[in-house]
C-alpha atoms as a PDB file:
ATOM      1  CA  MET A   1      53.031 254.365  72.931  1.00  0.00           C
ATOM      2  CA  SER A   2      53.243 250.584  72.845  1.00  0.00           C
ATOM      3  CA  ASN A   3      50.300 248.319  73.439  1.00  0.00           C
ATOM      4  CA  THR A   4      51.743 246.643  76.531  1.00  0.00           C
ATOM      5  CA  ARG A   5      50.926 246.618  80.241  1.00  0.00           C
ATOM      6  CA  LEU A   6      53.262 246.949  83.187  1.00  0.00           C
ATOM      7  CA  PHE A   7      53.398 243.771  85.289  1.00  0.00           C
ATOM      8  CA  ASN A   8      54.842 243.982  88.804  1.00  0.00           C
ATOM      9  CA  ILE A   9      55.575 241.078  91.100  1.00  0.00           C
ATOM     10  CA  ARG A  10      57.067 240.916  94.563  1.00  0.00           C
ATOM     11  CA  ILE A  11      59.944 238.531  95.181  1.00  0.00           C
ATOM     12  CA  THR A  12      62.636 238.363  97.807  1.00  0.00           C
ATOM     13  CA  HIS A  13      65.919 240.204  97.316  1.00  0.00           C
ATOM     14  CA  GLU A  14      67.705 236.847  97.092  1.00  0.00           C
ATOM     15  CA  LYS A  15      65.383 235.526  94.362  1.00  0.00           C
ATOM     16  CA  HIS A  16      65.772 238.763  92.418  1.00  0.00           C
ATOM     17  CA  ALA A  17      69.574 238.619  92.634  1.00  0.00           C
ATOM     18  CA  ASN A  18      69.654 234.944  91.600  1.00  0.00           C
ATOM     19  CA  PHE A  19      67.196 235.505  88.755  1.00  0.00           C
ATOM     20  CA  LYS A  20      69.184 238.496  87.525  1.00  0.00           C
ATOM     21  CA  ALA A  21      72.410 236.473  87.619  1.00  0.00           C
ATOM     22  CA  TYR A  22      70.704 233.623  85.716  1.00  0.00           C
ATOM     23  CA  ALA A  23      69.499 236.043  83.043  1.00  0.00           C
ATOM     24  CA  GLU A  24      72.941 237.613  82.690  1.00  0.00           C
ATOM     25  CA  GLU A  25      74.635 234.195  82.445  1.00  0.00           C
ATOM     26  CA  ASN A  26      72.237 233.266  79.642  1.00  0.00           C
ATOM     27  CA  ASN A  27      72.503 236.652  77.893  1.00  0.00           C
ATOM     28  CA  VAL A  28      68.776 237.366  78.124  1.00  0.00           C
ATOM     29  CA  THR A  29      66.665 239.850  80.087  1.00  0.00           C
ATOM     30  CA  MET A  30      64.573 238.867  83.074  1.00  0.00           C
ATOM     31  CA  ALA A  31      61.527 240.307  81.286  1.00  0.00           C
ATOM     32  CA  ASN A  32      62.199 238.154  78.227  1.00  0.00           C
ATOM     33  CA  ILE A  33      62.384 234.997  80.360  1.00  0.00           C
ATOM     34  CA  LEU A  34      59.042 235.755  82.018  1.00  0.00           C
ATOM     35  CA  SER A  35      57.398 236.844  78.765  1.00  0.00           C
ATOM     36  CA  SER A  36      58.567 233.681  76.989  1.00  0.00           C
ATOM     37  CA  TYR A  37      57.249 231.535  79.850  1.00  0.00           C
ATOM     38  CA  ILE A  38      53.855 233.263  79.701  1.00  0.00           C
ATOM     39  CA  ASP A  39      53.740 232.857  75.910  1.00  0.00           C
ATOM     40  CA  ALA A  40      54.478 229.127  76.235  1.00  0.00           C
ATOM     41  CA  LEU A  41      51.744 228.705  78.868  1.00  0.00           C
ATOM     42  CA  LEU A  42      49.167 230.539  76.773  1.00  0.00           C
ATOM     43  CA  ALA A  43      50.076 228.508  73.685  1.00  0.00           C
ATOM     44  CA  LYS A  44      49.679 225.368  75.825  1.00  0.00           C
ATOM     45  CA  GLU A  45      53.235 224.367  74.917  1.00  0.00           C
ATOM     46  CA  MET A  46      54.020 223.594  78.558  1.00  0.00           C
ATOM     47  CA  ASP A  47      52.374 223.004  81.896  1.00  0.00           C
ATOM     48  CA  PRO A  48      52.642 225.558  84.703  1.00  0.00           C
ATOM     49  CA  VAL A  49      55.707 225.095  86.870  1.00  0.00           C
ATOM     50  CA  GLY A  50      55.597 225.022  90.645  1.00  0.00           C
ATOM     51  CA  ILE A  51      51.890 224.726  91.335  1.00  0.00           C
ATOM     52  CA  GLY A  52      49.966 221.733  92.543  1.00  0.00           C
ATOM     53  CA  ALA A  53      46.743 220.306  91.254  1.00  0.00           C
ATOM     54  CA  PRO A  54      44.157 222.906  90.226  1.00  0.00           C
ATOM     55  CA  THR A  55      41.630 223.847  92.883  1.00  0.00           C
ATOM     56  CA  GLU A  56      38.270 225.549  92.729  1.00  0.00           C
ATOM     57  CA  LYS A  57      39.526 228.408  94.907  1.00  0.00           C
ATOM     58  CA  LYS A  58      41.834 231.110  93.617  1.00  0.00           C
ATOM     59  CA  GLN A  59      44.776 231.737  95.845  1.00  0.00           C
ATOM     60  CA  ARG A  60      45.354 235.385  96.652  1.00  0.00           C
ATOM     61  CA  GLN A  61      48.291 237.053  98.282  1.00  0.00           C
ATOM     62  CA  ALA A  62      47.213 238.930 101.391  1.00  0.00           C
ATOM     63  CA  TRP A  63      47.344 242.696 100.842  1.00  0.00           C
ATOM     64  CA  ILE A  64      49.925 244.448 102.967  1.00  0.00           C
ATOM     65  CA  ASP A  65      49.556 248.214 102.974  1.00  0.00           C
ATOM     66  CA  PRO A  66      53.084 249.654 102.673  1.00  0.00           C
ATOM     67  CA  LEU A  67      51.955 252.793 104.514  1.00  0.00           C
ATOM     68  CA  ASP A  68      50.181 250.951 107.324  1.00  0.00           C
ATOM     69  CA  ASP A  69      52.860 251.840 109.870  1.00  0.00           C
ATOM     70  CA  ILE A  70      52.415 255.573 109.364  1.00  0.00           C
ATOM     71  CA  ARG A  71      48.691 255.885 108.763  1.00  0.00           C
ATOM     72  CA  GLY A  72      46.932 257.695 111.566  1.00  0.00           C
ATOM     73  CA  GLN A  73      49.993 259.519 112.836  1.00  0.00           C
ATOM     74  CA  TYR A  74      48.671 262.845 111.523  1.00  0.00           C
ATOM     75  CA  THR A  75      45.385 264.535 112.380  1.00  0.00           C
ATOM     76  CA  PRO A  76      43.611 266.518 109.624  1.00  0.00           C
ATOM     77  CA  GLY A  77      43.161 270.150 110.679  1.00  0.00           C
ATOM     78  CA  GLU A  78      45.953 269.920 113.240  1.00  0.00           C
ATOM     79  CA  ASP A  79      48.989 268.624 111.384  1.00  0.00           C
ATOM     80  CA  PHE A  80      48.036 269.824 107.906  1.00  0.00           C
END
């Protein structure tokens, strides 16, 4: 077992397709691109891309429950 962690992100289908095409054109994996970017940030070799000035507040993505549409449609003791 390797000493790594799974890292999931959500991006649009279009971004995924474009990112995948970019990786293929440059003969590198998408994971390698992201891992190299993270390594460069942690080594302070580059500044973060695409974010504005630092703020005191952390920005969080709102949680969207993927099962929200179906929750409550079954009644315990009646349906199962």
